C-alpha atoms as a PDB file:
ATOM      1  CA  MET A   1       0.000   0.000   0.000  1.00  0.00           C
ATOM      2  CA  PRO A   2       1.293   3.526  -0.791  1.00  0.00           C
ATOM      3  CA  GLU A   3       2.599   5.490   2.195  1.00  0.00           C
ATOM      4  CA  ASN A   4       0.887   8.437   3.894  1.00  0.00           C
ATOM      5  CA  LEU A   5      -2.522   7.861   2.292  1.00  0.00           C
ATOM      6  CA  LEU A   6      -4.122   9.594   5.274  1.00  0.00           C
ATOM      7  CA  LYS A   7      -1.506  12.247   5.978  1.00  0.00           C
ATOM      8  CA  GLY A   8      -3.175  15.309   7.476  1.00  0.00           C
ATOM      9  CA  LYS A   9      -6.507  13.557   7.967  1.00  0.00           C
ATOM     10  CA  VAL A  10      -8.269  13.281  11.324  1.00  0.00           C
ATOM     11  CA  GLY A  11     -11.224  11.246  12.519  1.00  0.00           C
ATOM     12  CA  ILE A  12     -12.846   8.834  14.953  1.00  0.00           C
ATOM     13  CA  ILE A  13     -12.623   5.047  15.094  1.00  0.00           C
ATOM     14  CA  THR A  14     -15.286   3.209  17.089  1.00  0.00           C
ATOM     15  CA  GLY A  15     -15.510  -0.354  18.311  1.00  0.00           C
ATOM     16  CA  ALA A  16     -11.890  -1.457  18.811  1.00  0.00           C
ATOM     17  CA  LEU A  17     -12.406  -4.187  21.401  1.00  0.00           C
ATOM     18  CA  ASP A  18      -9.216  -6.246  21.128  1.00  0.00           C
ATOM     19  CA  GLU A  19      -6.411  -7.071  18.711  1.00  0.00           C
ATOM     20  CA  ASN A  20      -8.679  -9.382  16.683  1.00  0.00           C
ATOM     21  CA  SER A  21     -11.158  -6.641  15.804  1.00  0.00           C
ATOM     22  CA  ILE A  22     -11.281  -4.917  12.440  1.00  0.00           C
ATOM     23  CA  ALA A  23     -11.434  -1.516  14.130  1.00  0.00           C
ATOM     24  CA  TRP A  24      -8.251  -2.291  16.093  1.00  0.00           C
ATOM     25  CA  LYS A  25      -6.351  -3.196  12.936  1.00  0.00           C
ATOM     26  CA  THR A  26      -7.779  -0.160  11.158  1.00  0.00           C
ATOM     27  CA  ALA A  27      -6.486   2.107  13.910  1.00  0.00           C
ATOM     28  CA  LEU A  28      -2.956   0.731  13.606  1.00  0.00           C
ATOM     29  CA  LYS A  29      -2.990   1.132   9.831  1.00  0.00           C
ATOM     30  CA  ALA A  30      -4.476   4.631  10.036  1.00  0.00           C
ATOM     31  CA  LYS A  31      -1.621   5.644  12.314  1.00  0.00           C
ATOM     32  CA  ASP A  32       0.915   4.131   9.912  1.00  0.00           C
ATOM     33  CA  GLN A  33      -0.703   6.051   7.040  1.00  0.00           C
ATOM     34  CA  GLY A  34      -0.332   9.409   8.796  1.00  0.00           C
ATOM     35  CA  ALA A  35      -3.808   9.921  10.274  1.00  0.00           C
ATOM     36  CA  LYS A  36      -4.574  11.383  13.664  1.00  0.00           C
ATOM     37  CA  PHE A  37      -7.696  10.118  15.413  1.00  0.00           C
ATOM     38  CA  VAL A  38      -9.412   9.370  18.689  1.00  0.00           C
ATOM     39  CA  LEU A  39     -10.788   6.006  19.756  1.00  0.00           C
ATOM     40  CA  THR A  40     -14.179   5.449  21.299  1.00  0.00           C
ATOM     41  CA  ASN A  41     -16.332   2.638  22.584  1.00  0.00           C
ATOM     42  CA  ALA A  42     -19.243   2.179  24.951  1.00  0.00           C
ATOM     43  CA  PRO A  43     -18.156   2.146  28.605  1.00  0.00           C
ATOM     44  CA  ILE A  44     -19.284  -1.485  29.045  1.00  0.00           C
ATOM     45  CA  ALA A  45     -17.268  -2.573  26.000  1.00  0.00           C
ATOM     46  CA  MET A  46     -14.232  -0.692  27.292  1.00  0.00           C
ATOM     47  CA  ARG A  47     -14.320  -2.754  30.468  1.00  0.00           C
ATOM     48  CA  MET A  48     -14.310  -5.962  28.392  1.00  0.00           C
ATOM     49  CA  GLY A  49     -11.535  -4.976  25.974  1.00  0.00           C
ATOM     50  CA  ALA A  50      -8.055  -3.505  25.877  1.00  0.00           C
ATOM     51  CA  ILE A  51      -8.689  -0.252  24.025  1.00  0.00           C
ATOM     52  CA  ASN A  52      -6.423   1.756  26.315  1.00  0.00           C
ATOM     53  CA  GLU A  53      -3.458  -0.332  25.193  1.00  0.00           C
ATOM     54  CA  LEU A  54      -4.323   0.475  21.578  1.00  0.00           C
ATOM     55  CA  ALA A  55      -4.556   4.174  22.424  1.00  0.00           C
ATOM     56  CA  GLN A  56      -1.020   4.086  23.843  1.00  0.00           C
ATOM     57  CA  GLU A  57       0.263   2.356  20.716  1.00  0.00           C
ATOM     58  CA  CYS A  58      -1.443   4.936  18.492  1.00  0.00           C
ATOM     59  CA  ASN A  59      -0.453   7.956  20.617  1.00  0.00           C
ATOM     60  CA  THR A  60      -4.040   9.011  21.083  1.00  0.00           C
ATOM     61  CA  ILE A  61      -6.846   9.139  23.623  1.00  0.00           C
ATOM     62  CA  VAL A  62     -10.018   7.170  24.303  1.00  0.00           C
ATOM     63  CA  ILE A  63     -13.289   9.048  24.764  1.00  0.00           C
ATOM     64  CA  PRO A  64     -16.035   6.788  26.175  1.00  0.00           C
ATOM     65  CA  ALA A  65     -19.378   7.175  24.400  1.00  0.00           C
ATOM     66  CA  ASP A  66     -22.571   5.208  23.917  1.00  0.00           C
ATOM     67  CA  ALA A  67     -23.297   5.589  20.200  1.00  0.00           C
ATOM     68  CA  THR A  68     -27.023   5.120  20.834  1.00  0.00           C
ATOM     69  CA  SER A  69     -27.038   8.335  22.902  1.00  0.00           C
ATOM     70  CA  VAL A  70     -27.231  11.633  21.019  1.00  0.00           C
ATOM     71  CA  GLU A  71     -25.895  13.421  24.097  1.00  0.00           C
ATOM     72  CA  ASP A  72     -22.878  11.099  24.292  1.00  0.00           C
ATOM     73  CA  LEU A  73     -22.163  11.618  20.594  1.00  0.00           C
ATOM     74  CA  GLU A  74     -22.311  15.397  20.985  1.00  0.00           C
ATOM     75  CA  LYS A  75     -19.834  15.176  23.853  1.00  0.00           C
ATOM     76  CA  LEU A  76     -17.613  12.791  21.872  1.00  0.00           C
ATOM     77  CA  TYR A  77     -17.472  15.069  18.835  1.00  0.00           C
ATOM     78  CA  THR A  78     -16.839  18.178  20.926  1.00  0.00           C
ATOM     79  CA  GLU A  79     -13.960  16.608  22.851  1.00  0.00           C
ATOM     80  CA  ALA A  80     -12.527  14.903  19.769  1.00  0.00           C
ATOM     81  CA  LYS A  81     -12.559  18.153  17.786  1.00  0.00           C
ATOM     82  CA  GLU A  82     -10.744  19.913  20.602  1.00  0.00           C
ATOM     83  CA  TYR A  83      -8.105  17.157  20.793  1.00  0.00           C
ATOM     84  CA  LEU A  84      -7.657  16.805  17.033  1.00  0.00           C
ATOM     85  CA  GLY A  85      -7.690  20.523  16.342  1.00  0.00           C
ATOM     86  CA  GLY A  86     -10.421  20.589  13.733  1.00  0.00           C
ATOM     87  CA  ASN A  87     -13.294  18.888  11.959  1.00  0.00           C
ATOM     88  CA  PHE A  88     -13.187  15.257  10.874  1.00  0.00           C
ATOM     89  CA  ASP A  89     -12.203  13.604   7.617  1.00  0.00           C
ATOM     90  CA  PHE A  90     -13.359  10.093   8.521  1.00  0.00           C
ATOM     91  CA  LEU A  91     -15.598   8.123  10.861  1.00  0.00           C
ATOM     92  CA  LEU A  92     -15.658   4.342  11.312  1.00  0.00           C
ATOM     93  CA  HIS A  93     -18.803   2.717  12.685  1.00  0.00           C
ATOM     94  CA  SER A  94     -17.729  -0.729  13.900  1.00  0.00           C
ATOM     95  CA  ILE A  95     -20.521  -1.441  16.372  1.00  0.00           C
ATOM     96  CA  GLY A  96     -22.866  -4.402  16.633  1.00  0.00           C
ATOM     97  CA  MET A  97     -24.475  -6.711  19.149  1.00  0.00           C
ATOM     98  CA  SER A  98     -27.477  -9.009  19.523  1.00  0.00           C
ATOM     99  CA  PRO A  99     -28.755 -10.148  22.913  1.00  0.00           C
ATOM    100  CA  ASN A 100     -30.991 -12.657  21.089  1.00  0.00           C
ATOM    101  CA  ILE A 101     -27.976 -14.337  19.489  1.00  0.00           C
ATOM    102  CA  ARG A 102     -26.030 -14.179  22.721  1.00  0.00           C
ATOM    103  CA  LYS A 103     -28.920 -15.831  24.581  1.00  0.00           C
ATOM    104  CA  GLY A 104     -29.559 -18.430  21.866  1.00  0.00           C
ATOM    105  CA  ARG A 105     -33.014 -17.218  20.825  1.00  0.00           C
ATOM    106  CA  SER A 106     -34.136 -18.392  17.379  1.00  0.00           C
ATOM    107  CA  TYR A 107     -35.602 -16.065  14.749  1.00  0.00           C
ATOM    108  CA  GLY A 108     -39.102 -17.374  15.486  1.00  0.00           C
ATOM    109  CA  ASP A 109     -38.697 -16.795  19.214  1.00  0.00           C
ATOM    110  CA  LEU A 110     -37.140 -13.330  19.412  1.00  0.00           C
ATOM    111  CA  ASN A 111     -37.354 -11.230  22.516  1.00  0.00           C
ATOM    112  CA  TYR A 112     -38.576  -8.033  20.874  1.00  0.00           C
ATOM    113  CA  ASP A 113     -37.079  -5.710  23.467  1.00  0.00           C
ATOM    114  CA  TRP A 114     -33.722  -7.328  22.776  1.00  0.00           C
ATOM    115  CA  ALA A 115     -34.306  -7.096  19.029  1.00  0.00           C
ATOM    116  CA  MET A 116     -34.954  -3.368  19.267  1.00  0.00           C
ATOM    117  CA  LYS A 117     -31.740  -3.060  21.260  1.00  0.00           C
ATOM    118  CA  SER A 118     -29.907  -4.909  18.470  1.00  0.00           C
ATOM    119  CA  TYR A 119     -31.291  -2.546  15.835  1.00  0.00           C
ATOM    120  CA  ASP A 120     -30.470   0.540  17.886  1.00  0.00           C
ATOM    121  CA  VAL A 121     -26.898  -0.481  18.711  1.00  0.00           C
ATOM    122  CA  SER A 122     -26.015  -2.106  15.380  1.00  0.00           C
ATOM    123  CA  ALA A 123     -27.757   0.191  12.877  1.00  0.00           C
ATOM    124  CA  VAL A 124     -29.660   3.190  14.212  1.00  0.00           C
ATOM    125  CA  SER A 125     -26.471   4.319  15.963  1.00  0.00           C
ATOM    126  CA  PHE A 126     -24.981   4.755  12.475  1.00  0.00           C
ATOM    127  CA  HIS A 127     -27.781   7.207  11.650  1.00  0.00           C
ATOM    128  CA  LYS A 128     -27.296   8.978  14.971  1.00  0.00           C
ATOM    129  CA  MET A 129     -23.561   9.378  14.362  1.00  0.00           C
ATOM    130  CA  MET A 130     -24.258  11.092  11.043  1.00  0.00           C
ATOM    131  CA  HIS A 131     -27.240  13.077  12.330  1.00  0.00           C
ATOM    132  CA  VAL A 132     -25.146  14.570  15.140  1.00  0.00           C
ATOM    133  CA  ALA A 133     -22.194  15.143  12.792  1.00  0.00           C
ATOM    134  CA  GLU A 134     -24.469  17.025  10.397  1.00  0.00           C
ATOM    135  CA  LYS A 135     -26.097  19.041  13.159  1.00  0.00           C
ATOM    136  CA  MET A 136     -22.692  20.052  14.550  1.00  0.00           C
ATOM    137  CA  ASP A 137     -21.243  20.570  11.035  1.00  0.00           C
ATOM    138  CA  ILE A 138     -18.285  18.446  12.137  1.00  0.00           C
ATOM    139  CA  MET A 139     -17.318  16.715   8.849  1.00  0.00           C
ATOM    140  CA  ASN A 140     -14.950  18.225   6.306  1.00  0.00           C
ATOM    141  CA  GLU A 141     -15.904  18.255   2.640  1.00  0.00           C
ATOM    142  CA  TRP A 142     -15.012  15.011   0.836  1.00  0.00           C
ATOM    143  CA  GLY A 143     -14.946  13.177   4.162  1.00  0.00           C
ATOM    144  CA  SER A 144     -15.626   9.442   4.372  1.00  0.00           C
ATOM    145  CA  ILE A 145     -17.939   7.562   6.737  1.00  0.00           C
ATOM    146  CA  MET A 146     -17.796   3.769   6.836  1.00  0.00           C
ATOM    147  CA  GLY A 147     -19.889   1.027   8.445  1.00  0.00           C
ATOM    148  CA  LEU A 148     -19.296  -2.727   8.601  1.00  0.00           C
ATOM    149  CA  SER A 149     -21.931  -5.110   7.267  1.00  0.00           C
ATOM    150  CA  TYR A 150     -22.413  -8.749   6.309  1.00  0.00           C
ATOM    151  CA  ILE A 151     -24.065 -10.584   3.403  1.00  0.00           C
ATOM    152  CA  ALA A 152     -26.862 -11.818   5.694  1.00  0.00           C
ATOM    153  CA  ALA A 153     -28.404  -8.403   4.992  1.00  0.00           C
ATOM    154  CA  GLN A 154     -29.338  -9.795   1.544  1.00  0.00           C
ATOM    155  CA  ARG A 155     -29.449 -13.569   2.019  1.00  0.00           C
ATOM    156  CA  VAL A 156     -30.788 -15.925   4.659  1.00  0.00           C
ATOM    157  CA  TYR A 157     -28.329 -17.230   7.236  1.00  0.00           C
ATOM    158  CA  PRO A 158     -30.525 -18.852   9.906  1.00  0.00           C
ATOM    159  CA  PHE A 159     -27.993 -18.454  12.715  1.00  0.00           C
ATOM    160  CA  TYR A 160     -27.717 -14.668  12.137  1.00  0.00           C
ATOM    161  CA  THR A 161     -31.354 -14.015  13.220  1.00  0.00           C
ATOM    162  CA  ASP A 162     -32.078 -10.358  14.109  1.00  0.00           C
ATOM    163  CA  MET A 163     -28.563  -9.208  13.217  1.00  0.00           C
ATOM    164  CA  ALA A 164     -29.462  -9.850   9.566  1.00  0.00           C
ATOM    165  CA  ASP A 165     -32.280  -7.321   9.933  1.00  0.00           C
ATOM    166  CA  ALA A 166     -29.915  -4.894  11.656  1.00  0.00           C
ATOM    167  CA  LYS A 167     -27.354  -5.145   8.849  1.00  0.00           C
ATOM    168  CA  ALA A 168     -30.062  -4.599   6.211  1.00  0.00           C
ATOM    169  CA  LEU A 169     -31.088  -1.456   8.085  1.00  0.00           C
ATOM    170  CA  LEU A 170     -27.459  -0.352   8.351  1.00  0.00           C
ATOM    171  CA  GLU A 171     -27.002  -0.612   4.571  1.00  0.00           C
ATOM    172  CA  SER A 172     -30.232   1.284   3.927  1.00  0.00           C
ATOM    173  CA  ILE A 173     -29.102   4.074   6.257  1.00  0.00           C
ATOM    174  CA  ALA A 174     -25.800   4.289   4.364  1.00  0.00           C
ATOM    175  CA  ARG A 175     -27.693   4.846   1.118  1.00  0.00           C
ATOM    176  CA  GLY A 176     -30.126   7.360   2.577  1.00  0.00           C
ATOM    177  CA  TYR A 177     -27.561   9.392   4.457  1.00  0.00           C
ATOM    178  CA  GLY A 178     -25.012   8.947   1.675  1.00  0.00           C
ATOM    179  CA  TYR A 179     -27.318  10.849  -0.662  1.00  0.00           C
ATOM    180  CA  ARG A 180     -28.076  13.504   1.934  1.00  0.00           C
ATOM    181  CA  TYR A 181     -24.484  14.062   3.028  1.00  0.00           C
ATOM    182  CA  GLY A 182     -23.211  13.995  -0.529  1.00  0.00           C
ATOM    183  CA  LYS A 183     -25.551  16.828  -1.468  1.00  0.00           C
ATOM    184  CA  LEU A 184     -24.785  18.795   1.689  1.00  0.00           C
ATOM    185  CA  LYS A 185     -20.976  18.533   1.933  1.00  0.00           C
ATOM    186  CA  LYS A 186     -19.723  15.958  -0.566  1.00  0.00           C
ATOM    187  CA  VAL A 187     -19.268  13.521   2.321  1.00  0.00           C
ATOM    188  CA  ARG A 188     -19.419   9.909   1.164  1.00  0.00           C
ATOM    189  CA  VAL A 189     -21.041   7.083   3.111  1.00  0.00           C
ATOM    190  CA  ASN A 190     -20.474   3.381   2.446  1.00  0.00           C
ATOM    191  CA  THR A 191     -20.614  -0.027   4.088  1.00  0.00           C
ATOM    192  CA  ILE A 192     -18.232  -2.945   3.663  1.00  0.00           C
ATOM    193  CA  SER A 193     -19.762  -6.429   3.570  1.00  0.00           C
ATOM    194  CA  GLN A 194     -16.926  -8.461   5.047  1.00  0.00           C
ATOM    195  CA  SER A 195     -16.175 -12.196   4.970  1.00  0.00           C
ATOM    196  CA  PRO A 196     -16.899 -14.140   8.152  1.00  0.00           C
ATOM    197  CA  THR A 197     -14.045 -12.962  10.349  1.00  0.00           C
ATOM    198  CA  LYS A 198     -12.586 -14.425  13.523  1.00  0.00           C
ATOM    199  CA  THR A 199     -13.288 -11.456  15.752  1.00  0.00           C
ATOM    200  CA  THR A 200     -14.677 -11.644  19.291  1.00  0.00           C
ATOM    201  CA  ALA A 201     -18.128 -10.684  17.975  1.00  0.00           C
ATOM    202  CA  GLY A 202     -18.006 -13.072  15.018  1.00  0.00           C
ATOM    203  CA  THR A 203     -16.919 -16.150  16.915  1.00  0.00           C
ATOM    204  CA  GLY A 204     -19.737 -15.595  19.413  1.00  0.00           C
ATOM    205  CA  ILE A 205     -22.288 -16.652  16.785  1.00  0.00           C
ATOM    206  CA  GLY A 206     -23.356 -20.300  16.928  1.00  0.00           C
ATOM    207  CA  GLY A 207     -21.942 -22.453  14.124  1.00  0.00           C
ATOM    208  CA  PHE A 208     -19.369 -19.809  13.200  1.00  0.00           C
ATOM    209  CA  ASP A 209     -16.433 -22.171  12.658  1.00  0.00           C
ATOM    210  CA  THR A 210     -18.412 -24.391  10.290  1.00  0.00           C
ATOM    211  CA  PHE A 211     -19.613 -21.464   8.253  1.00  0.00           C
ATOM    212  CA  PHE A 212     -16.171 -19.846   8.230  1.00  0.00           C
ATOM    213  CA  ASN A 213     -14.803 -23.000   6.605  1.00  0.00           C
ATOM    214  CA  PHE A 214     -17.752 -23.200   4.179  1.00  0.00           C
ATOM    215  CA  ALA A 215     -17.241 -19.593   3.016  1.00  0.00           C
ATOM    216  CA  ASP A 216     -13.515 -20.146   2.673  1.00  0.00           C
ATOM    217  CA  LYS A 217     -14.108 -23.113   0.345  1.00  0.00           C
ATOM    218  CA  MET A 218     -16.772 -21.221  -1.624  1.00  0.00           C
ATOM    219  CA  SER A 219     -14.690 -18.091  -2.213  1.00  0.00           C
ATOM    220  CA  PRO A 220     -12.213 -18.250  -5.109  1.00  0.00           C
ATOM    221  CA  LEU A 221      -9.801 -16.065  -3.155  1.00  0.00           C
ATOM    222  CA  GLY A 222     -10.694 -17.478   0.247  1.00  0.00           C
ATOM    223  CA  ASN A 223     -12.043 -15.461   3.160  1.00  0.00           C
ATOM    224  CA  ALA A 224     -10.796 -11.889   3.478  1.00  0.00           C
ATOM    225  CA  SER A 225      -8.996 -11.385   6.785  1.00  0.00           C
ATOM    226  CA  ALA A 226      -9.579  -8.597   9.305  1.00  0.00           C
ATOM    227  CA  GLU A 227      -6.178  -7.241   8.291  1.00  0.00           C
ATOM    228  CA  ALA A 228      -7.223  -7.049   4.637  1.00  0.00           C
ATOM    229  CA  CYS A 229     -10.509  -5.409   5.594  1.00  0.00           C
ATOM    230  CA  ALA A 230      -8.592  -2.742   7.514  1.00  0.00           C
ATOM    231  CA  ASP A 231      -6.543  -2.067   4.362  1.00  0.00           C
ATOM    232  CA  TYR A 232      -9.778  -1.609   2.409  1.00  0.00           C
ATOM    233  CA  ILE A 233     -11.149   0.806   5.017  1.00  0.00           C
ATOM    234  CA  ILE A 234      -7.964   2.879   4.820  1.00  0.00           C
ATOM    235  CA  THR A 235      -8.390   3.062   1.045  1.00  0.00           C
ATOM    236  CA  MET A 236     -11.985   4.185   1.522  1.00  0.00           C
ATOM    237  CA  PHE A 237     -10.848   6.903   3.938  1.00  0.00           C
ATOM    238  CA  SER A 238      -8.299   8.135   1.415  1.00  0.00           C
ATOM    239  CA  ASP A 239      -8.711  10.566  -1.466  1.00  0.00           C
ATOM    240  CA  LEU A 240      -8.352   7.667  -3.922  1.00  0.00           C
ATOM    241  CA  THR A 241     -12.053   6.829  -3.463  1.00  0.00           C
ATOM    242  CA  ARG A 242     -13.602  10.304  -3.448  1.00  0.00           C
ATOM    243  CA  TYR A 243     -16.411   9.380  -5.838  1.00  0.00           C
ATOM    244  CA  VAL A 244     -17.493   6.127  -4.187  1.00  0.00           C
ATOM    245  CA  THR A 245     -20.608   6.616  -2.080  1.00  0.00           C
ATOM    246  CA  MET A 246     -23.925   4.975  -1.119  1.00  0.00           C
ATOM    247  CA  GLN A 247     -22.402   1.559  -1.837  1.00  0.00           C
ATOM    248  CA  ASN A 248     -22.354  -1.750  -0.007  1.00  0.00           C
ATOM    249  CA  LEU A 249     -18.908  -2.997  -0.982  1.00  0.00           C
ATOM    250  CA  PHE A 250     -18.381  -6.766  -0.869  1.00  0.00           C
ATOM    251  CA  HIS A 251     -15.001  -7.668   0.587  1.00  0.00           C
ATOM    252  CA  ASP A 252     -15.323 -11.425   0.718  1.00  0.00           C
ATOM    253  CA  GLY A 253     -12.917 -13.072  -1.722  1.00  0.00           C
ATOM    254  CA  GLY A 254     -15.658 -13.446  -4.338  1.00  0.00           C
ATOM    255  CA  TYR A 255     -18.066 -15.363  -2.080  1.00  0.00           C
ATOM    256  CA  SER A 256     -21.013 -13.060  -2.768  1.00  0.00           C
ATOM    257  CA  PHE A 257     -21.038 -13.860  -6.512  1.00  0.00           C
ATOM    258  CA  THR A 258     -20.075 -17.532  -6.461  1.00  0.00           C
ATOM    259  CA  GLY A 259     -22.834 -20.112  -6.904  1.00  0.00           C
ATOM    260  CA  ILE A 260     -20.785 -23.244  -6.163  1.00  0.00           C
ATOM    261  CA  SER A 261     -17.120 -24.169  -6.036  1.00  0.00           C
ATOM    262  CA  GLU A 262     -15.220 -27.319  -6.967  1.00  0.00           C
ATOM    263  CA  ASP A 263     -13.967 -27.612  -3.406  1.00  0.00           C
ATOM    264  CA  LEU A 264     -17.521 -27.831  -2.090  1.00  0.00           C
ATOM    265  CA  MET A 265     -18.670 -30.164  -4.859  1.00  0.00           C
ATOM    266  CA  GLU A 266     -15.924 -32.624  -3.933  1.00  0.00           C
ATOM    267  CA  GLY A 267     -17.595 -33.122  -0.571  1.00  0.00           C
ATOM    268  CA  PHE A 268     -20.844 -34.268  -2.203  1.00  0.00           C
ATOM    269  CA  LYS A 269     -19.436 -36.787  -4.628  1.00  0.00           C
ATOM    270  CA  GLU A 270     -20.801 -40.278  -4.239  1.00  0.00           C
ATOM    271  CA  GLU A 271     -18.256 -42.927  -3.357  1.00  0.00           C
END
């Protein structure tokens, strides 16, 4: 990758829980590419992870914020702007959770209060981040806002239950706000639909290992790693992608457009 793709750019990276997370790897690469940024996560997630270690490595600070709270986001943006010395060039939304999945509830037996929590945390928070950014006029022109999605937004994966709905909503918000923000300030908004990835959140889904192997055999290039996804995010933050907006960008080794692979067919051959 070229050097200093993000030189002079500033922003916010959410959701870096531990060294396996895409946000964590994105932060390290953003630093290497010359960006200055602050890290943020919900207070409960900060207690579970090691974000303060990442902050030390990136020579930055952590500002706790619940992305579902407009008041927290206003405080986050105010403090981040003061620390960074100006408005933002990029935002990464890397936030998602499902109490129904965590508790093993099937799609036909959802706890609806939990489902609404999933939608709020995993998708509506993306809208809130942009709503508050617009209201505070905190994004620079030609800025880039990214969210992380998954192909279950378009196809049925029974184990993904209400998170599939949340990801579909996330992608719709990216299109809606991408149009709005593009007209207002030429800010672009996109989502990346990533391969199944061995993050703390991903491996918490039942049957993950089996599906990880299935997707790897289906994809002509194999599953895209968290490291590779971070590279893609850096490219999307850079000026090389100024005219890409309102897109859901598949980053999955070709999985999303492959019907069947020879590797999978071998497993169904009759003896």
